[in-house]
PDB file of N, CA and C in Angstrom:
ATOM      1  N   MET A   1      95.028  26.881 -25.152  1.00  0.00           N
ATOM      2  CA  MET A   1      96.297  26.170 -25.086  1.00  0.00           C
ATOM      3  C   MET A   1      96.325  25.115 -26.189  1.00  0.00           C
ATOM      4  N   ASP A   2      97.454  24.963 -26.830  1.00  0.00           N
ATOM      5  CA  ASP A   2      97.667  23.908 -27.812  1.00  0.00           C
ATOM      6  C   ASP A   2      98.091  22.657 -27.036  1.00  0.00           C
ATOM      7  N   TRP A   3      97.100  21.848 -26.676  1.00  0.00           N
ATOM      8  CA  TRP A   3      97.336  20.691 -25.817  1.00  0.00           C
ATOM      9  C   TRP A   3      98.394  19.742 -26.372  1.00  0.00           C
ATOM     10  N   ILE A   4      98.273  19.392 -27.630  1.00  0.00           N
ATOM     11  CA  ILE A   4      99.169  18.382 -28.199  1.00  0.00           C
ATOM     12  C   ILE A   4     100.616  18.856 -28.145  1.00  0.00           C
ATOM     13  N   THR A   5     100.867  20.089 -28.563  1.00  0.00           N
ATOM     14  CA  THR A   5     102.231  20.623 -28.537  1.00  0.00           C
ATOM     15  C   THR A   5     102.773  20.656 -27.123  1.00  0.00           C
ATOM     16  N   GLN A   6     101.974  21.151 -26.190  1.00  0.00           N
ATOM     17  CA  GLN A   6     102.415  21.263 -24.794  1.00  0.00           C
ATOM     18  C   GLN A   6     102.734  19.890 -24.212  1.00  0.00           C
ATOM     19  N   LEU A   7     101.836  18.931 -24.434  1.00  0.00           N
ATOM     20  CA  LEU A   7     102.049  17.592 -23.898  1.00  0.00           C
ATOM     21  C   LEU A   7     103.251  16.911 -24.552  1.00  0.00           C
ATOM     22  N   CYS A   8     103.388  17.065 -25.865  1.00  0.00           N
ATOM     23  CA  CYS A   8     104.525  16.467 -26.568  1.00  0.00           C
ATOM     24  C   CYS A   8     105.844  17.025 -26.053  1.00  0.00           C
ATOM     25  N   GLN A   9     105.883  18.321 -25.794  1.00  0.00           N
ATOM     26  CA  GLN A   9     107.102  18.924 -25.242  1.00  0.00           C
ATOM     27  C   GLN A   9     107.447  18.312 -23.887  1.00  0.00           C
ATOM     28  N   CYS A  10     106.442  18.085 -23.068  1.00  0.00           N
ATOM     29  CA  CYS A  10     106.680  17.438 -21.772  1.00  0.00           C
ATOM     30  C   CYS A  10     107.238  16.031 -21.963  1.00  0.00           C
ATOM     31  N   PHE A  11     106.648  15.268 -22.884  1.00  0.00           N
ATOM     32  CA  PHE A  11     107.143  13.915 -23.137  1.00  0.00           C
ATOM     33  C   PHE A  11     108.573  13.951 -23.663  1.00  0.00           C
ATOM     34  N   ASN A  12     108.874  14.891 -24.544  1.00  0.00           N
ATOM     35  CA  ASN A  12     110.233  14.984 -25.094  1.00  0.00           C
ATOM     36  C   ASN A  12     111.265  15.320 -24.017  1.00  0.00           C
ATOM     37  N   ARG A  13     110.849  16.033 -22.976  1.00  0.00           N
ATOM     38  CA  ARG A  13     111.753  16.383 -21.867  1.00  0.00           C
ATOM     39  C   ARG A  13     111.695  15.366 -20.730  1.00  0.00           C
ATOM     40  N   ASP A  14     110.896  14.330 -20.902  1.00  0.00           N
ATOM     41  CA  ASP A  14     110.682  13.320 -19.866  1.00  0.00           C
ATOM     42  C   ASP A  14     110.096  13.954 -18.601  1.00  0.00           C
ATOM     43  N   ALA A  15     109.243  14.942 -18.798  1.00  0.00           N
ATOM     44  CA  ALA A  15     108.541  15.601 -17.692  1.00  0.00           C
ATOM     45  C   ALA A  15     107.117  15.064 -17.661  1.00  0.00           C
ATOM     46  N   VAL A  16     107.006  13.762 -17.345  1.00  0.00           N
ATOM     47  CA  VAL A  16     105.732  13.061 -17.391  1.00  0.00           C
ATOM     48  C   VAL A  16     105.556  12.264 -16.106  1.00  0.00           C
ATOM     49  N   TYR A  17     104.363  12.361 -15.548  1.00  0.00           N
ATOM     50  CA  TYR A  17     104.005  11.580 -14.375  1.00  0.00           C
ATOM     51  C   TYR A  17     102.856  10.651 -14.772  1.00  0.00           C
ATOM     52  N   TYR A  18     102.994   9.369 -14.502  1.00  0.00           N
ATOM     53  CA  TYR A  18     101.939   8.398 -14.753  1.00  0.00           C
ATOM     54  C   TYR A  18     101.246   8.095 -13.431  1.00  0.00           C
ATOM     55  N   THR A  19      99.929   8.216 -13.402  1.00  0.00           N
ATOM     56  CA  THR A  19      99.210   7.824 -12.199  1.00  0.00           C
ATOM     57  C   THR A  19      99.296   6.309 -12.037  1.00  0.00           C
ATOM     58  N   GLN A  20      99.068   5.854 -10.836  1.00  0.00           N
ATOM     59  CA  GLN A  20      99.058   4.415 -10.590  1.00  0.00           C
ATOM     60  C   GLN A  20      97.975   3.751 -11.445  1.00  0.00           C
ATOM     61  N   HIS A  21      96.835   4.416 -11.575  1.00  0.00           N
ATOM     62  CA  HIS A  21      95.747   3.892 -12.409  1.00  0.00           C
ATOM     63  C   HIS A  21      96.224   3.691 -13.853  1.00  0.00           C
ATOM     64  N   ALA A  22      96.938   4.682 -14.398  1.00  0.00           N
ATOM     65  CA  ALA A  22      97.428   4.573 -15.777  1.00  0.00           C
ATOM     66  C   ALA A  22      98.365   3.380 -15.924  1.00  0.00           C
ATOM     67  N   LYS A  23      99.278   3.212 -14.997  1.00  0.00           N
ATOM     68  CA  LYS A  23     100.239   2.102 -15.078  1.00  0.00           C
ATOM     69  C   LYS A  23      99.533   0.744 -15.014  1.00  0.00           C
ATOM     70  N   ILE A  24      98.541   0.639 -14.145  1.00  0.00           N
ATOM     71  CA  ILE A  24      97.790  -0.616 -14.042  1.00  0.00           C
ATOM     72  C   ILE A  24      97.042  -0.897 -15.346  1.00  0.00           C
ATOM     73  N   GLU A  25      96.397   0.135 -15.892  1.00  0.00           N
ATOM     74  CA  GLU A  25      95.677  -0.036 -17.162  1.00  0.00           C
ATOM     75  C   GLU A  25      96.627  -0.422 -18.297  1.00  0.00           C
ATOM     76  N   MET A  26      97.804   0.183 -18.321  1.00  0.00           N
ATOM     77  CA  MET A  26      98.780  -0.128 -19.365  1.00  0.00           C
ATOM     78  C   MET A  26      99.249  -1.583 -19.264  1.00  0.00           C
ATOM     79  N   GLU A  27      99.465  -2.056 -18.062  1.00  0.00           N
ATOM     80  CA  GLU A  27      99.924  -3.435 -17.852  1.00  0.00           C
ATOM     81  C   GLU A  27      98.850  -4.455 -18.184  1.00  0.00           C
ATOM     82  N   ASN A  28      97.599  -4.104 -17.943  1.00  0.00           N
ATOM     83  CA  ASN A  28      96.508  -5.058 -18.082  1.00  0.00           C
ATOM     84  C   ASN A  28      95.618  -4.821 -19.299  1.00  0.00           C
ATOM     85  N   GLU A  29      96.081  -4.037 -20.245  1.00  0.00           N
ATOM     86  CA  GLU A  29      95.288  -3.726 -21.446  1.00  0.00           C
ATOM     87  C   GLU A  29      94.873  -5.012 -22.152  1.00  0.00           C
ATOM     88  N   GLU A  30      93.571  -5.134 -22.466  1.00  0.00           N
ATOM     89  CA  GLU A  30      93.050  -6.362 -23.064  1.00  0.00           C
ATOM     90  C   GLU A  30      93.628  -6.659 -24.452  1.00  0.00           C
ATOM     91  N   PHE A  31      94.086  -5.643 -25.175  1.00  0.00           N
ATOM     92  CA  PHE A  31      94.667  -5.840 -26.504  1.00  0.00           C
ATOM     93  C   PHE A  31      96.183  -5.987 -26.454  1.00  0.00           C
ATOM     94  N   GLY A  32      96.749  -6.076 -25.262  1.00  0.00           N
ATOM     95  CA  GLY A  32      98.191  -6.227 -25.090  1.00  0.00           C
ATOM     96  C   GLY A  32      98.785  -5.059 -24.327  1.00  0.00           C
ATOM     97  N   GLN A  33      99.793  -5.345 -23.547  1.00  0.00           N
ATOM     98  CA  GLN A  33     100.439  -4.338 -22.702  1.00  0.00           C
ATOM     99  C   GLN A  33     100.833  -3.101 -23.512  1.00  0.00           C
ATOM    100  N   ILE A  34     100.648  -1.938 -22.904  1.00  0.00           N
ATOM    101  CA  ILE A  34     101.036  -0.670 -23.516  1.00  0.00           C
ATOM    102  C   ILE A  34     102.317  -0.200 -22.843  1.00  0.00           C
ATOM    103  N   LEU A  35     103.309   0.138 -23.637  1.00  0.00           N
ATOM    104  CA  LEU A  35     104.598   0.565 -23.108  1.00  0.00           C
ATOM    105  C   LEU A  35     104.724   2.087 -23.132  1.00  0.00           C
ATOM    106  N   ASP A  36     105.607   2.606 -22.274  1.00  0.00           N
ATOM    107  CA  ASP A  36     105.793   4.061 -22.160  1.00  0.00           C
ATOM    108  C   ASP A  36     106.111   4.703 -23.510  1.00  0.00           C
ATOM    109  N   TYR A  37     106.985   4.075 -24.290  1.00  0.00           N
ATOM    110  CA  TYR A  37     107.357   4.688 -25.569  1.00  0.00           C
ATOM    111  C   TYR A  37     106.166   4.767 -26.517  1.00  0.00           C
ATOM    112  N   GLU A  38     105.219   3.828 -26.399  1.00  0.00           N
ATOM    113  CA  GLU A  38     104.026   3.877 -27.234  1.00  0.00           C
ATOM    114  C   GLU A  38     103.144   5.070 -26.851  1.00  0.00           C
ATOM    115  N   VAL A  39     103.063   5.353 -25.558  1.00  0.00           N
ATOM    116  CA  VAL A  39     102.292   6.510 -25.105  1.00  0.00           C
ATOM    117  C   VAL A  39     102.938   7.785 -25.648  1.00  0.00           C
ATOM    118  N   HIS A  40     104.262   7.870 -25.576  1.00  0.00           N
ATOM    119  CA  HIS A  40     105.001   9.022 -26.108  1.00  0.00           C
ATOM    120  C   HIS A  40     104.707   9.193 -27.594  1.00  0.00           C
ATOM    121  N   GLU A  41     104.813   8.105 -28.363  1.00  0.00           N
ATOM    122  CA  GLU A  41     104.536   8.182 -29.796  1.00  0.00           C
ATOM    123  C   GLU A  41     103.103   8.640 -30.066  1.00  0.00           C
ATOM    124  N   ALA A  42     102.158   8.081 -29.318  1.00  0.00           N
ATOM    125  CA  ALA A  42     100.750   8.421 -29.525  1.00  0.00           C
ATOM    126  C   ALA A  42     100.471   9.884 -29.208  1.00  0.00           C
ATOM    127  N   ILE A  43     101.043  10.395 -28.130  1.00  0.00           N
ATOM    128  CA  ILE A  43     100.826  11.799 -27.765  1.00  0.00           C
ATOM    129  C   ILE A  43     101.393  12.723 -28.844  1.00  0.00           C
ATOM    130  N   CYS A  44     102.616  12.463 -29.266  1.00  0.00           N
ATOM    131  CA  CYS A  44     103.276  13.378 -30.208  1.00  0.00           C
ATOM    132  C   CYS A  44     102.702  13.289 -31.620  1.00  0.00           C
ATOM    133  N   ALA A  45     101.985  12.208 -31.932  1.00  0.00           N
ATOM    134  CA  ALA A  45     101.323  12.086 -33.235  1.00  0.00           C
ATOM    135  C   ALA A  45      99.813  12.220 -33.068  1.00  0.00           C
ATOM    136  N   GLY A  46      99.405  12.717 -31.911  1.00  0.00           N
ATOM    137  CA  GLY A  46      97.999  12.672 -31.544  1.00  0.00           C
ATOM    138  C   GLY A  46      97.149  13.819 -32.039  1.00  0.00           C
ATOM    139  N   GLU A  47      95.870  13.622 -31.804  1.00  0.00           N
ATOM    140  CA  GLU A  47      94.881  14.660 -32.098  1.00  0.00           C
ATOM    141  C   GLU A  47      93.909  14.740 -30.925  1.00  0.00           C
ATOM    142  N   PHE A  48      93.445  15.929 -30.700  1.00  0.00           N
ATOM    143  CA  PHE A  48      92.504  16.219 -29.634  1.00  0.00           C
ATOM    144  C   PHE A  48      91.160  15.586 -29.964  1.00  0.00           C
ATOM    145  N   VAL A  49      90.560  14.841 -28.998  1.00  0.00           N
ATOM    146  CA  VAL A  49      89.255  14.227 -29.223  1.00  0.00           C
ATOM    147  C   VAL A  49      88.200  14.856 -28.322  1.00  0.00           C
ATOM    148  N   GLU A  50      88.490  14.937 -27.033  1.00  0.00           N
ATOM    149  CA  GLU A  50      87.544  15.509 -26.076  1.00  0.00           C
ATOM    150  C   GLU A  50      88.306  16.312 -25.030  1.00  0.00           C
ATOM    151  N   GLU A  51      87.623  17.277 -24.449  1.00  0.00           N
ATOM    152  CA  GLU A  51      88.215  18.088 -23.385  1.00  0.00           C
ATOM    153  C   GLU A  51      87.351  17.965 -22.139  1.00  0.00           C
ATOM    154  N   TYR A  52      88.012  17.902 -20.991  1.00  0.00           N
ATOM    155  CA  TYR A  52      87.335  17.803 -19.710  1.00  0.00           C
ATOM    156  C   TYR A  52      87.781  18.981 -18.840  1.00  0.00           C
ATOM    157  N   PRO A  53      87.232  20.172 -19.100  1.00  0.00           N
ATOM    158  CA  PRO A  53      87.706  21.392 -18.434  1.00  0.00           C
ATOM    159  C   PRO A  53      87.417  21.432 -16.936  1.00  0.00           C
ATOM    160  N   ASP A  54      86.469  20.627 -16.467  1.00  0.00           N
ATOM    161  CA  ASP A  54      86.110  20.656 -15.051  1.00  0.00           C
ATOM    162  C   ASP A  54      86.854  19.627 -14.207  1.00  0.00           C
ATOM    163  N   ASP A  55      87.720  18.826 -14.834  1.00  0.00           N
ATOM    164  CA  ASP A  55      88.503  17.850 -14.070  1.00  0.00           C
ATOM    165  C   ASP A  55      89.375  18.564 -13.042  1.00  0.00           C
ATOM    166  N   GLN A  56      89.521  17.923 -11.907  1.00  0.00           N
ATOM    167  CA  GLN A  56      90.339  18.470 -10.824  1.00  0.00           C
ATOM    168  C   GLN A  56      91.448  17.485 -10.478  1.00  0.00           C
ATOM    169  N   PRO A  57      92.613  17.906 -10.115  1.00  0.00           N
ATOM    170  CA  PRO A  57      92.990  19.302  -9.879  1.00  0.00           C
ATOM    171  C   PRO A  57      93.391  20.062 -11.146  1.00  0.00           C
ATOM    172  N   TYR A  58      93.429  19.365 -12.313  1.00  0.00           N
ATOM    173  CA  TYR A  58      93.802  20.036 -13.559  1.00  0.00           C
ATOM    174  C   TYR A  58      92.830  19.629 -14.660  1.00  0.00           C
ATOM    175  N   PRO A  59      92.483  20.551 -15.544  1.00  0.00           N
ATOM    176  CA  PRO A  59      91.694  20.165 -16.719  1.00  0.00           C
ATOM    177  C   PRO A  59      92.466  19.104 -17.514  1.00  0.00           C
ATOM    178  N   SER A  60      91.730  18.232 -18.177  1.00  0.00           N
ATOM    179  CA  SER A  60      92.399  17.182 -18.942  1.00  0.00           C
ATOM    180  C   SER A  60      91.775  17.049 -20.322  1.00  0.00           C
ATOM    181  N   VAL A  61      92.422  16.246 -21.150  1.00  0.00           N
ATOM    182  CA  VAL A  61      91.952  16.006 -22.511  1.00  0.00           C
ATOM    183  C   VAL A  61      92.118  14.534 -22.863  1.00  0.00           C
ATOM    184  N   LEU A  62      91.300  14.111 -23.817  1.00  0.00           N
ATOM    185  CA  LEU A  62      91.449  12.787 -24.415  1.00  0.00           C
ATOM    186  C   LEU A  62      92.152  12.989 -25.740  1.00  0.00           C
ATOM    187  N   VAL A  63      93.270  12.309 -25.901  1.00  0.00           N
ATOM    188  CA  VAL A  63      94.062  12.382 -27.122  1.00  0.00           C
ATOM    189  C   VAL A  63      94.009  11.022 -27.802  1.00  0.00           C
ATOM    190  N   LEU A  64      93.764  11.024 -29.098  1.00  0.00           N
ATOM    191  CA  LEU A  64      93.879   9.821 -29.917  1.00  0.00           C
ATOM    192  C   LEU A  64      95.179   9.931 -30.681  1.00  0.00           C
ATOM    193  N   GLY A  65      96.009   8.926 -30.542  1.00  0.00           N
ATOM    194  CA  GLY A  65      97.262   8.911 -31.289  1.00  0.00           C
ATOM    195  C   GLY A  65      97.577   7.517 -31.780  1.00  0.00           C
ATOM    196  N   MET A  66      98.333   7.460 -32.850  1.00  0.00           N
ATOM    197  CA  MET A  66      98.780   6.180 -33.401  1.00  0.00           C
ATOM    198  C   MET A  66     100.263   6.018 -33.092  1.00  0.00           C
ATOM    199  N   THR A  67     100.632   4.821 -32.681  1.00  0.00           N
ATOM    200  CA  THR A  67     102.045   4.536 -32.496  1.00  0.00           C
ATOM    201  C   THR A  67     102.681   4.383 -33.875  1.00  0.00           C
ATOM    202  N   LYS A  68     103.982   4.306 -33.905  1.00  0.00           N
ATOM    203  CA  LYS A  68     104.673   4.134 -35.184  1.00  0.00           C
ATOM    204  C   LYS A  68     104.299   2.820 -35.856  1.00  0.00           C
ATOM    205  N   ARG A  69     103.830   1.865 -35.080  1.00  0.00           N
ATOM    206  CA  ARG A  69     103.393   0.577 -35.645  1.00  0.00           C
ATOM    207  C   ARG A  69     101.908   0.574 -35.983  1.00  0.00           C
ATOM    208  N   GLY A  70     101.253   1.742 -35.822  1.00  0.00           N
ATOM    209  CA  GLY A  70      99.851   1.860 -36.200  1.00  0.00           C
ATOM    210  C   GLY A  70      98.853   1.450 -35.139  1.00  0.00           C
ATOM    211  N   ARG A  71      99.301   1.319 -33.906  1.00  0.00           N
ATOM    212  CA  ARG A  71      98.403   0.963 -32.814  1.00  0.00           C
ATOM    213  C   ARG A  71      97.680   2.216 -32.317  1.00  0.00           C
ATOM    214  N   PRO A  72      96.341   2.207 -32.323  1.00  0.00           N
ATOM    215  CA  PRO A  72      95.616   3.376 -31.816  1.00  0.00           C
ATOM    216  C   PRO A  72      95.603   3.357 -30.284  1.00  0.00           C
ATOM    217  N   LEU A  73      95.840   4.517 -29.692  1.00  0.00           N
ATOM    218  CA  LEU A  73      95.767   4.639 -28.234  1.00  0.00           C
ATOM    219  C   LEU A  73      94.965   5.872 -27.868  1.00  0.00           C
ATOM    220  N   HIS A  74      94.195   5.739 -26.828  1.00  0.00           N
ATOM    221  CA  HIS A  74      93.555   6.878 -26.188  1.00  0.00           C
ATOM    222  C   HIS A  74      94.359   7.174 -24.931  1.00  0.00           C
ATOM    223  N   VAL A  75      94.740   8.433 -24.771  1.00  0.00           N
ATOM    224  CA  VAL A  75      95.491   8.866 -23.598  1.00  0.00           C
ATOM    225  C   VAL A  75      94.732  10.034 -22.988  1.00  0.00           C
ATOM    226  N   ILE A  76      94.355   9.894 -21.732  1.00  0.00           N
ATOM    227  CA  ILE A  76      93.764  11.020 -21.020  1.00  0.00           C
ATOM    228  C   ILE A  76      94.879  11.642 -20.205  1.00  0.00           C
ATOM    229  N   CYS A  77      95.149  12.914 -20.511  1.00  0.00           N
ATOM    230  CA  CYS A  77      96.274  13.641 -19.922  1.00  0.00           C
ATOM    231  C   CYS A  77      95.825  14.977 -19.359  1.00  0.00           C
ATOM    232  N   ALA A  78      96.557  15.396 -18.354  1.00  0.00           N
ATOM    233  CA  ALA A  78      96.404  16.751 -17.819  1.00  0.00           C
ATOM    234  C   ALA A  78      97.760  17.422 -17.920  1.00  0.00           C
ATOM    235  N   TYR A  79      97.745  18.736 -17.807  1.00  0.00           N
ATOM    236  CA  TYR A  79      98.989  19.499 -17.817  1.00  0.00           C
ATOM    237  C   TYR A  79      99.065  20.308 -16.529  1.00  0.00           C
ATOM    238  N   ASN A  80     100.138  20.113 -15.785  1.00  0.00           N
ATOM    239  CA  ASN A  80     100.380  20.859 -14.555  1.00  0.00           C
ATOM    240  C   ASN A  80     101.279  22.031 -14.905  1.00  0.00           C
ATOM    241  N   GLN A  81     100.696  23.206 -14.983  1.00  0.00           N
ATOM    242  CA  GLN A  81     101.446  24.397 -15.394  1.00  0.00           C
ATOM    243  C   GLN A  81     102.510  24.776 -14.370  1.00  0.00           C
ATOM    244  N   ASP A  82     102.207  24.632 -13.076  1.00  0.00           N
ATOM    245  CA  ASP A  82     103.173  24.991 -12.033  1.00  0.00           C
ATOM    246  C   ASP A  82     104.440  24.153 -12.117  1.00  0.00           C
ATOM    247  N   GLU A  83     104.291  22.877 -12.430  1.00  0.00           N
ATOM    248  CA  GLU A  83     105.439  21.965 -12.506  1.00  0.00           C
ATOM    249  C   GLU A  83     105.926  21.767 -13.945  1.00  0.00           C
ATOM    250  N   ASP A  84     105.183  22.292 -14.915  1.00  0.00           N
ATOM    251  CA  ASP A  84     105.481  22.142 -16.335  1.00  0.00           C
ATOM    252  C   ASP A  84     105.675  20.663 -16.692  1.00  0.00           C
ATOM    253  N   CYS A  85     104.634  19.875 -16.364  1.00  0.00           N
ATOM    254  CA  CYS A  85     104.719  18.446 -16.661  1.00  0.00           C
ATOM    255  C   CYS A  85     103.355  17.919 -17.092  1.00  0.00           C
ATOM    256  N   ALA A  86     103.397  16.813 -17.816  1.00  0.00           N
ATOM    257  CA  ALA A  86     102.188  16.113 -18.229  1.00  0.00           C
ATOM    258  C   ALA A  86     101.850  15.064 -17.175  1.00  0.00           C
ATOM    259  N   ILE A  87     100.575  14.877 -16.953  1.00  0.00           N
ATOM    260  CA  ILE A  87     100.105  13.841 -16.037  1.00  0.00           C
ATOM    261  C   ILE A  87      99.229  12.898 -16.848  1.00  0.00           C
ATOM    262  N   VAL A  88      99.665  11.645 -16.960  1.00  0.00           N
ATOM    263  CA  VAL A  88      98.901  10.643 -17.689  1.00  0.00           C
ATOM    264  C   VAL A  88      97.931  10.007 -16.697  1.00  0.00           C
ATOM    265  N   ILE A  89      96.655  10.224 -16.935  1.00  0.00           N
ATOM    266  CA  ILE A  89      95.617   9.746 -16.032  1.00  0.00           C
ATOM    267  C   ILE A  89      95.226   8.306 -16.358  1.00  0.00           C
ATOM    268  N   THR A  90      95.042   8.037 -17.631  1.00  0.00           N
ATOM    269  CA  THR A  90      94.801   6.668 -18.073  1.00  0.00           C
ATOM    270  C   THR A  90      95.159   6.527 -19.544  1.00  0.00           C
ATOM    271  N   VAL A  91      95.385   5.288 -19.942  1.00  0.00           N
ATOM    272  CA  VAL A  91      95.748   4.953 -21.322  1.00  0.00           C
ATOM    273  C   VAL A  91      95.075   3.636 -21.660  1.00  0.00           C
ATOM    274  N   TYR A  92      94.526   3.557 -22.855  1.00  0.00           N
ATOM    275  CA  TYR A  92      93.946   2.296 -23.293  1.00  0.00           C
ATOM    276  C   TYR A  92      93.891   2.274 -24.809  1.00  0.00           C
ATOM    277  N   GLN A  93      93.778   1.076 -25.345  1.00  0.00           N
ATOM    278  CA  GLN A  93      93.554   0.919 -26.780  1.00  0.00           C
ATOM    279  C   GLN A  93      92.051   0.885 -26.982  1.00  0.00           C
ATOM    280  N   PRO A  94      91.501   1.846 -27.732  1.00  0.00           N
ATOM    281  CA  PRO A  94      90.050   1.897 -27.878  1.00  0.00           C
ATOM    282  C   PRO A  94      89.498   0.678 -28.620  1.00  0.00           C
ATOM    283  N   ASP A  95      88.405   0.181 -28.110  1.00  0.00           N
ATOM    284  CA  ASP A  95      87.728  -0.964 -28.698  1.00  0.00           C
ATOM    285  C   ASP A  95      86.921  -0.471 -29.905  1.00  0.00           C
ATOM    286  N   PRO A  96      87.182  -0.994 -31.110  1.00  0.00           N
ATOM    287  CA  PRO A  96      86.451  -0.542 -32.294  1.00  0.00           C
ATOM    288  C   PRO A  96      84.950  -0.817 -32.211  1.00  0.00           C
ATOM    289  N   GLN A  97      84.543  -1.712 -31.318  1.00  0.00           N
ATOM    290  CA  GLN A  97      83.115  -1.971 -31.109  1.00  0.00           C
ATOM    291  C   GLN A  97      82.449  -0.821 -30.347  1.00  0.00           C
ATOM    292  N   ARG A  98      83.256  -0.019 -29.651  1.00  0.00           N
ATOM    293  CA  ARG A  98      82.718   1.070 -28.829  1.00  0.00           C
ATOM    294  C   ARG A  98      82.998   2.456 -29.396  1.00  0.00           C
ATOM    295  N   TRP A  99      83.866   2.531 -30.422  1.00  0.00           N
ATOM    296  CA  TRP A  99      84.276   3.818 -30.995  1.00  0.00           C
ATOM    297  C   TRP A  99      84.168   3.777 -32.505  1.00  0.00           C
ATOM    298  N   ILE A 100      83.715   4.855 -33.097  1.00  0.00           N
ATOM    299  CA  ILE A 100      83.690   5.011 -34.551  1.00  0.00           C
ATOM    300  C   ILE A 100      84.981   5.718 -34.933  1.00  0.00           C
ATOM    301  N   GLU A 101      85.809   5.025 -35.711  1.00  0.00           N
ATOM    302  CA  GLU A 101      87.115   5.546 -36.127  1.00  0.00           C
ATOM    303  C   GLU A 101      87.918   6.060 -34.939  1.00  0.00           C
ATOM    304  N   TYR A 102      87.683   5.480 -33.772  1.00  0.00           N
ATOM    305  CA  TYR A 102      88.395   5.798 -32.521  1.00  0.00           C
ATOM    306  C   TYR A 102      88.158   7.219 -32.027  1.00  0.00           C
ATOM    307  N   ARG A 103      87.238   7.960 -32.676  1.00  0.00           N
ATOM    308  CA  ARG A 103      87.022   9.382 -32.344  1.00  0.00           C
ATOM    309  C   ARG A 103      85.656   9.661 -31.705  1.00  0.00           C
ATOM    310  N   THR A 104      84.672   8.860 -32.059  1.00  0.00           N
ATOM    311  CA  THR A 104      83.302   9.117 -31.624  1.00  0.00           C
ATOM    312  C   THR A 104      82.763   7.891 -30.914  1.00  0.00           C
ATOM    313  N   ARG A 105      82.201   8.087 -29.733  1.00  0.00           N
ATOM    314  CA  ARG A 105      81.625   6.970 -28.988  1.00  0.00           C
ATOM    315  C   ARG A 105      80.386   6.452 -29.713  1.00  0.00           C
ATOM    316  N   ARG A 106      80.291   5.138 -29.834  1.00  0.00           N
ATOM    317  CA  ARG A 106      79.094   4.514 -30.411  1.00  0.00           C
ATOM    318  C   ARG A 106      77.990   4.562 -29.365  1.00  0.00           C
ATOM    319  N   THR A 107      76.787   4.781 -29.824  1.00  0.00           N
ATOM    320  CA  THR A 107      75.631   4.717 -28.927  1.00  0.00           C
ATOM    321  C   THR A 107      74.980   3.351 -29.115  1.00  0.00           C
ATOM    322  N   THR A 108      74.639   2.751 -28.033  1.00  0.00           N
ATOM    323  CA  THR A 108      74.069   1.409 -28.118  1.00  0.00           C
ATOM    324  C   THR A 108      72.741   1.327 -27.426  1.00  0.00           C
TER     325      THR A 108
END
């Protein structure tokens, strides 16, 4: 499956469900609140970073995307094929101290 295309199509149709965890993380992000439109921008300009095929009830992926203002975001999303919608599990701005170019976890 082409995750980015599928997820972007869901965002463009407003077929997106945010978990309560995602909303709390977006509101309390240490680098500043993350807004819904920023998540949309990041997904549609995003790239696949990691895949979590064993996640339940749906496999999920980590997407790195930049907002139009250049803010990097990590979005963990799943796709519900039965409902044809994206499920945003969590969203955060990656800490450059913990990520190399926002793509690779630093080992410490």
